Amino acid sequence: MAQTAGDDPVKRGEYIFNAAGCLGCHTESKEAPRLAGGRALKTPFGTFYGPNITPDPETGIGGWTDEDFVRALREGRSPDGTAYFPVFPYTSFTHLTDQDLHDLKAYLDAQPAVSKPNRPHDVSPPFGWRFLLPAWQALFLDRGGLPPEAGRDARWERGRYLVQAAGHCGECHSPRNFMGAVDHGRMLAGTADGPEGKPVPNITSDPENGIGKWSPGEIAFLLEIGMMPDGDFVGGGMNEVVENSTSKLTAEDREAIAAYLLTVPPGG
């Protein structure tokens, strides 16, 4: 990421880590070991538990090569080739650049190792049938980078990258089809069935149902401290996103996100 230029891949990786909000899904609670997994995520398809991503070689990712790590985030496959459930947002992370993926791995490798076995997911058939996942990926995983769009400036491209790839905002803010895939025709249009069964708002440019009436400064301010234009503060999962992720971005990156969101076609 340009905003984290420097010679230290660990420092660059920390920025990617924060932009992607990895802390929340991979840490069970504020009192639990950091990044050791166990955080429950309730979905319409069952309850999934975030895995241990510390460098512990037995229970974490300490034995992974850089190639293993890139394959996991870009192709949704474990080192042994097993497909991951798409609750792991590799459908968004697949768009991360090679540099960002390698820097993120460098940061994770530098964290304290914690020995903590992963908790099995609690998902009912057929959604818990892992052998079906390769077919799901063939249908819904669009691997590779985000294609450039004519007429867009660097700030817009940066905002799109942060929203669609690193921040994976569409994973929570978009409705899904009956197979659990994000409905790209209604990207960022909100959903009644968000994480933990809670509704997630529309963040398209729709002036009535989305954030189309907000100014770029109001969007950037929300991303910095969590306050909305009416003076209220975000709650639930978004409060966690602000605390662990968007507040740690540069002001330029928050402005880029705002610039991009205000161009997303209205949806509802």
C-alpha atoms as a PDB file:
ATOM      1  CA  MET A   1       0.000   0.000   0.000  1.00  0.00           C
ATOM      2  CA  ALA A   2       1.447   3.326  -1.041  1.00  0.00           C
ATOM      3  CA  GLN A   3       0.539   4.989   2.248  1.00  0.00           C
ATOM      4  CA  THR A   4       2.808   2.601   4.112  1.00  0.00           C
ATOM      5  CA  ALA A   5       5.901   2.964   1.969  1.00  0.00           C
ATOM      6  CA  GLY A   6       9.095   1.905   3.706  1.00  0.00           C
ATOM      7  CA  ASP A   7      11.649  -0.825   3.947  1.00  0.00           C
ATOM      8  CA  ASP A   8      10.056  -2.729   6.848  1.00  0.00           C
ATOM      9  CA  PRO A   9       7.606  -5.375   5.589  1.00  0.00           C
ATOM     10  CA  VAL A  10       6.352  -5.943   9.151  1.00  0.00           C
ATOM     11  CA  LYS A  11       5.279  -2.309   9.485  1.00  0.00           C
ATOM     12  CA  ARG A  12       3.675  -2.394   6.050  1.00  0.00           C
ATOM     13  CA  GLY A  13       1.978  -5.649   7.000  1.00  0.00           C
ATOM     14  CA  GLU A  14       0.593  -4.116  10.172  1.00  0.00           C
ATOM     15  CA  TYR A  15      -1.194  -1.538   8.062  1.00  0.00           C
ATOM     16  CA  ILE A  16      -2.723  -4.245   5.876  1.00  0.00           C
ATOM     17  CA  PHE A  17      -3.686  -6.172   9.012  1.00  0.00           C
ATOM     18  CA  ASN A  18      -5.546  -3.145  10.360  1.00  0.00           C
ATOM     19  CA  ALA A  19      -7.140  -2.294   7.015  1.00  0.00           C
ATOM     20  CA  ALA A  20      -8.450  -5.857   6.771  1.00  0.00           C
ATOM     21  CA  GLY A  21      -9.748  -5.919  10.353  1.00  0.00           C
ATOM     22  CA  CYS A  22      -8.122  -9.283  11.071  1.00  0.00           C
ATOM     23  CA  LEU A  23      -8.097  -8.767  14.843  1.00  0.00           C
ATOM     24  CA  GLY A  24     -11.852  -9.018  15.323  1.00  0.00           C
ATOM     25  CA  CYS A  25     -12.514 -12.359  13.666  1.00  0.00           C
ATOM     26  CA  HIS A  26      -9.391 -14.085  14.951  1.00  0.00           C
ATOM     27  CA  THR A  27      -9.489 -13.066  18.630  1.00  0.00           C
ATOM     28  CA  GLU A  28     -12.186 -14.546  20.849  1.00  0.00           C
ATOM     29  CA  SER A  29     -12.419 -11.600  23.261  1.00  0.00           C
ATOM     30  CA  LYS A  30     -10.361  -8.737  24.649  1.00  0.00           C
ATOM     31  CA  GLU A  31      -9.270 -11.012  27.468  1.00  0.00           C
ATOM     32  CA  ALA A  32      -8.326 -13.932  25.190  1.00  0.00           C
ATOM     33  CA  PRO A  33      -4.929 -14.522  23.538  1.00  0.00           C
ATOM     34  CA  ARG A  34      -4.524 -12.234  20.566  1.00  0.00           C
ATOM     35  CA  LEU A  35      -5.145 -13.880  17.155  1.00  0.00           C
ATOM     36  CA  ALA A  36      -5.483 -17.354  18.707  1.00  0.00           C
ATOM     37  CA  GLY A  37      -8.963 -17.868  17.237  1.00  0.00           C
ATOM     38  CA  GLY A  38     -12.223 -19.014  18.777  1.00  0.00           C
ATOM     39  CA  ARG A  39     -14.395 -16.004  17.919  1.00  0.00           C
ATOM     40  CA  ALA A  40     -17.898 -17.215  17.042  1.00  0.00           C
ATOM     41  CA  LEU A  41     -19.616 -15.789  13.970  1.00  0.00           C
ATOM     42  CA  LYS A  42     -23.294 -16.670  13.722  1.00  0.00           C
ATOM     43  CA  THR A  43     -24.690 -16.722  10.184  1.00  0.00           C
ATOM     44  CA  PRO A  44     -27.889 -18.004   8.522  1.00  0.00           C
ATOM     45  CA  PHE A  45     -25.857 -21.094   7.557  1.00  0.00           C
ATOM     46  CA  GLY A  46     -24.522 -21.934  11.016  1.00  0.00           C
ATOM     47  CA  THR A  47     -21.877 -20.788  13.476  1.00  0.00           C
ATOM     48  CA  PHE A  48     -18.277 -20.495  12.346  1.00  0.00           C
ATOM     49  CA  TYR A  49     -15.245 -20.010  14.585  1.00  0.00           C
ATOM     50  CA  GLY A  50     -12.248 -17.910  13.595  1.00  0.00           C
ATOM     51  CA  PRO A  51      -9.019 -19.943  13.428  1.00  0.00           C
ATOM     52  CA  ASN A  52      -5.700 -19.435  15.171  1.00  0.00           C
ATOM     53  CA  ILE A  53      -3.461 -17.313  12.922  1.00  0.00           C
ATOM     54  CA  THR A  54      -0.528 -16.911  15.293  1.00  0.00           C
ATOM     55  CA  PRO A  55       2.834 -18.393  14.193  1.00  0.00           C
ATOM     56  CA  ASP A  56       2.376 -21.462  16.387  1.00  0.00           C
ATOM     57  CA  PRO A  57       3.556 -24.355  14.166  1.00  0.00           C
ATOM     58  CA  GLU A  58       1.051 -26.893  15.500  1.00  0.00           C
ATOM     59  CA  THR A  59      -2.215 -25.012  15.996  1.00  0.00           C
ATOM     60  CA  GLY A  60      -1.602 -21.805  14.034  1.00  0.00           C
ATOM     61  CA  ILE A  61       0.017 -20.915  10.724  1.00  0.00           C
ATOM     62  CA  GLY A  62       3.638 -21.111  11.836  1.00  0.00           C
ATOM     63  CA  GLY A  63       4.351 -23.946   9.429  1.00  0.00           C
ATOM     64  CA  TRP A  64       2.945 -22.145   6.408  1.00  0.00           C
ATOM     65  CA  THR A  65       5.145 -20.958   3.560  1.00  0.00           C
ATOM     66  CA  ASP A  66       4.529 -17.658   1.813  1.00  0.00           C
ATOM     67  CA  GLU A  67       3.005 -19.664  -1.033  1.00  0.00           C
ATOM     68  CA  ASP A  68       0.631 -21.398   1.397  1.00  0.00           C
ATOM     69  CA  PHE A  69      -0.483 -18.035   2.752  1.00  0.00           C
ATOM     70  CA  VAL A  70      -1.054 -16.501  -0.675  1.00  0.00           C
ATOM     71  CA  ARG A  71      -3.018 -19.578  -1.773  1.00  0.00           C
ATOM     72  CA  ALA A  72      -5.258 -19.335   1.290  1.00  0.00           C
ATOM     73  CA  LEU A  73      -6.181 -15.697   0.732  1.00  0.00           C
ATOM     74  CA  ARG A  74      -6.294 -15.778  -3.048  1.00  0.00           C
ATOM     75  CA  GLU A  75      -7.711 -19.238  -3.762  1.00  0.00           C
ATOM     76  CA  GLY A  76      -9.457 -20.144  -0.494  1.00  0.00           C
ATOM     77  CA  ARG A  77      -7.430 -23.320  -0.013  1.00  0.00           C
ATOM     78  CA  SER A  78      -5.410 -24.637   2.921  1.00  0.00           C
ATOM     79  CA  PRO A  79      -1.832 -25.895   2.552  1.00  0.00           C
ATOM     80  CA  ASP A  80      -3.155 -29.437   2.002  1.00  0.00           C
ATOM     81  CA  GLY A  81      -5.555 -28.241  -0.695  1.00  0.00           C
ATOM     82  CA  THR A  82      -8.743 -28.344   1.377  1.00  0.00           C
ATOM     83  CA  ALA A  83     -11.215 -25.613   0.454  1.00  0.00           C
ATOM     84  CA  TYR A  84     -12.176 -23.020   3.049  1.00  0.00           C
ATOM     85  CA  PHE A  85     -15.727 -21.965   3.816  1.00  0.00           C
ATOM     86  CA  PRO A  86     -16.435 -18.511   2.353  1.00  0.00           C
ATOM     87  CA  VAL A  87     -17.111 -17.097   5.809  1.00  0.00           C
ATOM     88  CA  PHE A  88     -13.356 -16.501   5.447  1.00  0.00           C
ATOM     89  CA  PRO A  89     -13.600 -13.549   3.022  1.00  0.00           C
ATOM     90  CA  TYR A  90     -11.131 -14.824   0.454  1.00  0.00           C
ATOM     91  CA  THR A  91     -13.591 -13.786  -2.255  1.00  0.00           C
ATOM     92  CA  SER A  92     -12.481 -10.238  -1.353  1.00  0.00           C
ATOM     93  CA  PHE A  93      -8.906 -10.917  -0.263  1.00  0.00           C
ATOM     94  CA  THR A  94      -8.224 -12.545  -3.642  1.00  0.00           C
ATOM     95  CA  HIS A  95      -7.930  -8.976  -4.986  1.00  0.00           C
ATOM     96  CA  LEU A  96      -5.062  -8.027  -2.639  1.00  0.00           C
ATOM     97  CA  THR A  97      -1.741  -7.372  -4.338  1.00  0.00           C
ATOM     98  CA  ASP A  98       1.157  -9.792  -4.015  1.00  0.00           C
ATOM     99  CA  GLN A  99       3.110  -7.181  -2.052  1.00  0.00           C
ATOM    100  CA  ASP A 100       0.311  -6.677   0.456  1.00  0.00           C
ATOM    101  CA  LEU A 101      -0.117 -10.422   0.928  1.00  0.00           C
ATOM    102  CA  HIS A 102       3.592 -10.966   1.590  1.00  0.00           C
ATOM    103  CA  ASP A 103       3.737  -7.993   3.951  1.00  0.00           C
ATOM    104  CA  LEU A 104       0.710  -9.267   5.873  1.00  0.00           C
ATOM    105  CA  LYS A 105       2.388 -12.651   6.252  1.00  0.00           C
ATOM    106  CA  ALA A 106       5.547 -10.944   7.544  1.00  0.00           C
ATOM    107  CA  TYR A 107       3.507  -9.120  10.182  1.00  0.00           C
ATOM    108  CA  LEU A 108       1.691 -12.257  11.337  1.00  0.00           C
ATOM    109  CA  ASP A 109       4.974 -14.170  11.530  1.00  0.00           C
ATOM    110  CA  ALA A 110       6.278 -11.488  13.906  1.00  0.00           C
ATOM    111  CA  GLN A 111       3.423 -11.918  16.412  1.00  0.00           C
ATOM    112  CA  PRO A 112       3.637 -14.072  19.569  1.00  0.00           C
ATOM    113  CA  ALA A 113       2.833 -17.733  18.952  1.00  0.00           C
ATOM    114  CA  VAL A 114      -0.083 -19.163  20.942  1.00  0.00           C
ATOM    115  CA  SER A 115      -0.854 -22.851  21.198  1.00  0.00           C
ATOM    116  CA  LYS A 116      -4.629 -23.115  20.951  1.00  0.00           C
ATOM    117  CA  PRO A 117      -6.443 -25.707  18.796  1.00  0.00           C
ATOM    118  CA  ASN A 118      -9.111 -24.467  16.435  1.00  0.00           C
ATOM    119  CA  ARG A 119     -12.742 -25.031  17.348  1.00  0.00           C
ATOM    120  CA  PRO A 120     -14.793 -26.997  14.793  1.00  0.00           C
ATOM    121  CA  HIS A 121     -17.529 -25.085  12.989  1.00  0.00           C
ATOM    122  CA  ASP A 122     -21.139 -25.821  13.886  1.00  0.00           C
ATOM    123  CA  VAL A 123     -22.825 -25.855  10.475  1.00  0.00           C
ATOM    124  CA  SER A 124     -25.750 -28.009   9.388  1.00  0.00           C
ATOM    125  CA  PRO A 125     -25.885 -29.983   6.107  1.00  0.00           C
ATOM    126  CA  PRO A 126     -25.581 -29.244   3.273  1.00  0.00           C
ATOM    127  CA  PHE A 127     -23.727 -26.040   4.176  1.00  0.00           C
ATOM    128  CA  GLY A 128     -21.257 -27.931   6.331  1.00  0.00           C
ATOM    129  CA  TRP A 129     -20.287 -30.345   3.551  1.00  0.00           C
ATOM    130  CA  ARG A 130     -16.791 -29.227   2.723  1.00  0.00           C
ATOM    131  CA  PHE A 131     -16.543 -31.492  -0.328  1.00  0.00           C
ATOM    132  CA  LEU A 132     -19.030 -29.184  -2.083  1.00  0.00           C
ATOM    133  CA  LEU A 133     -16.813 -26.117  -1.685  1.00  0.00           C
ATOM    134  CA  PRO A 134     -14.655 -26.586  -4.825  1.00  0.00           C
ATOM    135  CA  ALA A 135     -17.835 -26.400  -6.907  1.00  0.00           C
ATOM    136  CA  TRP A 136     -18.927 -23.307  -4.963  1.00  0.00           C
ATOM    137  CA  GLN A 137     -15.560 -21.687  -5.629  1.00  0.00           C
ATOM    138  CA  ALA A 138     -15.766 -22.506  -9.323  1.00  0.00           C
ATOM    139  CA  LEU A 139     -19.084 -20.647  -9.436  1.00  0.00           C
ATOM    140  CA  PHE A 140     -18.398 -17.653  -7.216  1.00  0.00           C
ATOM    141  CA  LEU A 141     -14.671 -17.067  -6.675  1.00  0.00           C
ATOM    142  CA  ASP A 142     -13.400 -14.450  -9.136  1.00  0.00           C
ATOM    143  CA  ARG A 143      -9.664 -14.614  -8.590  1.00  0.00           C
ATOM    144  CA  GLY A 144      -7.259 -11.856  -9.479  1.00  0.00           C
ATOM    145  CA  GLY A 145      -6.936  -8.122  -9.076  1.00  0.00           C
ATOM    146  CA  LEU A 146      -9.545  -5.437  -9.565  1.00  0.00           C
ATOM    147  CA  PRO A 147      -9.574  -4.298 -13.194  1.00  0.00           C
ATOM    148  CA  PRO A 148      -8.910  -0.593 -13.792  1.00  0.00           C
ATOM    149  CA  GLU A 149     -11.853   1.598 -14.711  1.00  0.00           C
ATOM    150  CA  ALA A 150     -11.487   4.264 -17.374  1.00  0.00           C
ATOM    151  CA  GLY A 151     -11.808   7.831 -16.183  1.00  0.00           C
ATOM    152  CA  ARG A 152     -11.149   7.089 -12.504  1.00  0.00           C
ATOM    153  CA  ASP A 153      -8.364   8.823 -10.609  1.00  0.00           C
ATOM    154  CA  ALA A 154      -5.869   7.294  -8.182  1.00  0.00           C
ATOM    155  CA  ARG A 155      -7.908   8.247  -5.102  1.00  0.00           C
ATOM    156  CA  TRP A 156     -10.985   6.466  -6.435  1.00  0.00           C
ATOM    157  CA  GLU A 157      -8.905   3.376  -7.294  1.00  0.00           C
ATOM    158  CA  ARG A 158      -7.423   3.427  -3.806  1.00  0.00           C
ATOM    159  CA  GLY A 159     -10.860   3.705  -2.218  1.00  0.00           C
ATOM    160  CA  ARG A 160     -12.192   0.818  -4.274  1.00  0.00           C
ATOM    161  CA  TYR A 161      -9.208  -1.330  -3.279  1.00  0.00           C
ATOM    162  CA  LEU A 162      -9.751  -0.592   0.406  1.00  0.00           C
ATOM    163  CA  VAL A 163     -13.502  -1.257   0.224  1.00  0.00           C
ATOM    164  CA  GLN A 164     -13.616  -4.259  -2.101  1.00  0.00           C
ATOM    165  CA  ALA A 165     -10.319  -6.004  -1.304  1.00  0.00           C
ATOM    166  CA  ALA A 166      -8.637  -5.122   1.994  1.00  0.00           C
ATOM    167  CA  GLY A 167     -11.667  -3.950   3.954  1.00  0.00           C
ATOM    168  CA  HIS A 168     -13.992  -6.560   2.349  1.00  0.00           C
ATOM    169  CA  CYS A 169     -16.941  -4.278   3.181  1.00  0.00           C
ATOM    170  CA  GLY A 170     -19.233  -6.064   0.746  1.00  0.00           C
ATOM    171  CA  GLU A 171     -19.040  -9.276   2.756  1.00  0.00           C
ATOM    172  CA  CYS A 172     -21.211  -7.747   5.492  1.00  0.00           C
ATOM    173  CA  HIS A 173     -22.971  -4.900   3.675  1.00  0.00           C
ATOM    174  CA  SER A 174     -24.354  -6.943   0.767  1.00  0.00           C
ATOM    175  CA  PRO A 175     -27.173  -9.500   0.555  1.00  0.00           C
ATOM    176  CA  ARG A 176     -26.288 -13.097  -0.320  1.00  0.00           C
ATOM    177  CA  ASN A 177     -27.999 -15.661  -2.496  1.00  0.00           C
ATOM    178  CA  PHE A 178     -29.311 -19.001  -1.258  1.00  0.00           C
ATOM    179  CA  MET A 179     -25.845 -20.525  -1.703  1.00  0.00           C
ATOM    180  CA  GLY A 180     -24.201 -17.949   0.501  1.00  0.00           C
ATOM    181  CA  ALA A 181     -22.495 -15.955  -2.258  1.00  0.00           C
ATOM    182  CA  VAL A 182     -22.503 -12.164  -2.234  1.00  0.00           C
ATOM    183  CA  ASP A 183     -25.092 -10.724  -4.622  1.00  0.00           C
ATOM    184  CA  HIS A 184     -22.850  -8.502  -6.742  1.00  0.00           C
ATOM    185  CA  GLY A 185     -25.878  -6.950  -8.394  1.00  0.00           C
ATOM    186  CA  ARG A 186     -26.744  -5.412  -5.017  1.00  0.00           C
ATOM    187  CA  MET A 187     -23.234  -4.840  -3.724  1.00  0.00           C
ATOM    188  CA  LEU A 188     -23.171  -2.714  -0.525  1.00  0.00           C
ATOM    189  CA  ALA A 189     -26.976  -2.344  -0.599  1.00  0.00           C
ATOM    190  CA  GLY A 190     -27.370  -3.699   2.945  1.00  0.00           C
ATOM    191  CA  THR A 191     -28.986  -6.845   4.249  1.00  0.00           C
ATOM    192  CA  ALA A 192     -31.373  -7.949   6.970  1.00  0.00           C
ATOM    193  CA  ASP A 193     -29.278 -11.083   7.599  1.00  0.00           C
ATOM    194  CA  GLY A 194     -25.903  -9.732   8.632  1.00  0.00           C
ATOM    195  CA  PRO A 195     -23.461 -11.276  11.121  1.00  0.00           C
ATOM    196  CA  GLU A 196     -25.118 -12.368  14.354  1.00  0.00           C
ATOM    197  CA  GLY A 197     -28.467 -12.095  12.577  1.00  0.00           C
ATOM    198  CA  LYS A 198     -28.431  -8.303  12.737  1.00  0.00           C
ATOM    199  CA  PRO A 199     -29.330  -5.986   9.851  1.00  0.00           C
ATOM    200  CA  VAL A 200     -26.464  -4.201   8.104  1.00  0.00           C
ATOM    201  CA  PRO A 201     -27.133  -0.824   6.434  1.00  0.00           C
ATOM    202  CA  ASN A 202     -27.056   0.222   2.829  1.00  0.00           C
ATOM    203  CA  ILE A 203     -23.847   2.168   2.085  1.00  0.00           C
ATOM    204  CA  THR A 204     -24.425   2.858  -1.603  1.00  0.00           C
ATOM    205  CA  SER A 205     -24.986   6.356  -3.009  1.00  0.00           C
ATOM    206  CA  ASP A 206     -28.766   5.926  -2.643  1.00  0.00           C
ATOM    207  CA  PRO A 207     -29.882   9.274  -1.152  1.00  0.00           C
ATOM    208  CA  GLU A 208     -32.885   7.802   0.688  1.00  0.00           C
ATOM    209  CA  ASN A 209     -31.805   4.372   1.833  1.00  0.00           C
ATOM    210  CA  GLY A 210     -28.029   4.704   1.660  1.00  0.00           C
ATOM    211  CA  ILE A 211     -25.456   7.410   2.319  1.00  0.00           C
ATOM    212  CA  GLY A 212     -25.937   9.444  -0.834  1.00  0.00           C
ATOM    213  CA  LYS A 213     -26.796  12.597   1.138  1.00  0.00           C
ATOM    214  CA  TRP A 214     -23.664  12.383   3.250  1.00  0.00           C
ATOM    215  CA  SER A 215     -20.671  14.539   2.446  1.00  0.00           C
ATOM    216  CA  PRO A 216     -17.246  12.950   1.922  1.00  0.00           C
ATOM    217  CA  GLY A 217     -16.141  14.568   5.167  1.00  0.00           C
ATOM    218  CA  GLU A 218     -19.029  13.018   7.107  1.00  0.00           C
ATOM    219  CA  ILE A 219     -18.169   9.543   5.814  1.00  0.00           C
ATOM    220  CA  ALA A 220     -14.478   9.998   6.615  1.00  0.00           C
ATOM    221  CA  PHE A 221     -15.356  11.274  10.107  1.00  0.00           C
ATOM    222  CA  LEU A 222     -17.497   8.206  10.791  1.00  0.00           C
ATOM    223  CA  LEU A 223     -14.600   5.988   9.737  1.00  0.00           C
ATOM    224  CA  GLU A 224     -12.315   7.890  12.116  1.00  0.00           C
ATOM    225  CA  ILE A 225     -14.385   8.088  15.312  1.00  0.00           C
ATOM    226  CA  GLY A 226     -17.675   6.302  14.537  1.00  0.00           C
ATOM    227  CA  MET A 227     -19.972   9.333  14.654  1.00  0.00           C
ATOM    228  CA  MET A 228     -22.754   9.685  12.087  1.00  0.00           C
ATOM    229  CA  PRO A 229     -24.019  12.998  10.651  1.00  0.00           C
ATOM    230  CA  ASP A 230     -26.922  13.053  13.143  1.00  0.00           C
ATOM    231  CA  GLY A 231     -24.516  12.904  16.084  1.00  0.00           C
ATOM    232  CA  ASP A 232     -25.257   9.289  16.975  1.00  0.00           C
ATOM    233  CA  PHE A 233     -22.482   6.712  17.077  1.00  0.00           C
ATOM    234  CA  VAL A 234     -22.312   3.397  15.268  1.00  0.00           C
ATOM    235  CA  GLY A 235     -22.804   0.302  17.379  1.00  0.00           C
ATOM    236  CA  GLY A 236     -22.336  -3.431  17.198  1.00  0.00           C
ATOM    237  CA  GLY A 237     -19.985  -4.786  14.586  1.00  0.00           C
ATOM    238  CA  MET A 238     -19.336  -1.414  12.950  1.00  0.00           C
ATOM    239  CA  ASN A 239     -18.118   0.023  16.219  1.00  0.00           C
ATOM    240  CA  GLU A 240     -15.559  -2.775  16.273  1.00  0.00           C
ATOM    241  CA  VAL A 241     -14.589  -2.052  12.661  1.00  0.00           C
ATOM    242  CA  VAL A 242     -13.943   1.598  13.506  1.00  0.00           C
ATOM    243  CA  GLU A 243     -11.968   0.740  16.641  1.00  0.00           C
ATOM    244  CA  ASN A 244      -9.807  -2.000  15.114  1.00  0.00           C
ATOM    245  CA  SER A 245      -9.592  -0.933  11.501  1.00  0.00           C
ATOM    246  CA  THR A 246     -10.730   2.321   9.915  1.00  0.00           C
ATOM    247  CA  SER A 247      -9.564   4.588  12.752  1.00  0.00           C
ATOM    248  CA  LYS A 248      -6.049   3.243  12.188  1.00  0.00           C
ATOM    249  CA  LEU A 249      -5.990   4.205   8.504  1.00  0.00           C
ATOM    250  CA  THR A 250      -4.473   7.432   7.253  1.00  0.00           C
ATOM    251  CA  ALA A 251      -6.778  10.396   6.707  1.00  0.00           C
ATOM    252  CA  GLU A 252      -6.037  10.103   2.987  1.00  0.00           C
ATOM    253  CA  ASP A 253      -7.253   6.514   2.933  1.00  0.00           C
ATOM    254  CA  ARG A 254     -10.467   7.349   4.780  1.00  0.00           C
ATOM    255  CA  GLU A 255     -11.084  10.130   2.261  1.00  0.00           C
ATOM    256  CA  ALA A 256     -10.440   7.688  -0.576  1.00  0.00           C
ATOM    257  CA  ILE A 257     -13.020   5.288   0.859  1.00  0.00           C
ATOM    258  CA  ALA A 258     -15.549   8.124   1.060  1.00  0.00           C
ATOM    259  CA  ALA A 259     -14.840   9.187  -2.516  1.00  0.00           C
ATOM    260  CA  TYR A 260     -15.397   5.645  -3.761  1.00  0.00           C
ATOM    261  CA  LEU A 261     -18.560   4.924  -1.758  1.00  0.00           C
ATOM    262  CA  LEU A 262     -20.286   8.020  -3.100  1.00  0.00           C
ATOM    263  CA  THR A 263     -19.905   6.624  -6.621  1.00  0.00           C
ATOM    264  CA  VAL A 264     -21.350   3.169  -5.866  1.00  0.00           C
ATOM    265  CA  PRO A 265     -24.644   2.908  -7.799  1.00  0.00           C
ATOM    266  CA  PRO A 266     -27.756   3.185  -5.623  1.00  0.00           C
ATOM    267  CA  GLY A 267     -29.136  -0.140  -4.493  1.00  0.00           C
ATOM    268  CA  GLY A 268     -31.782  -1.375  -2.135  1.00  0.00           C
END
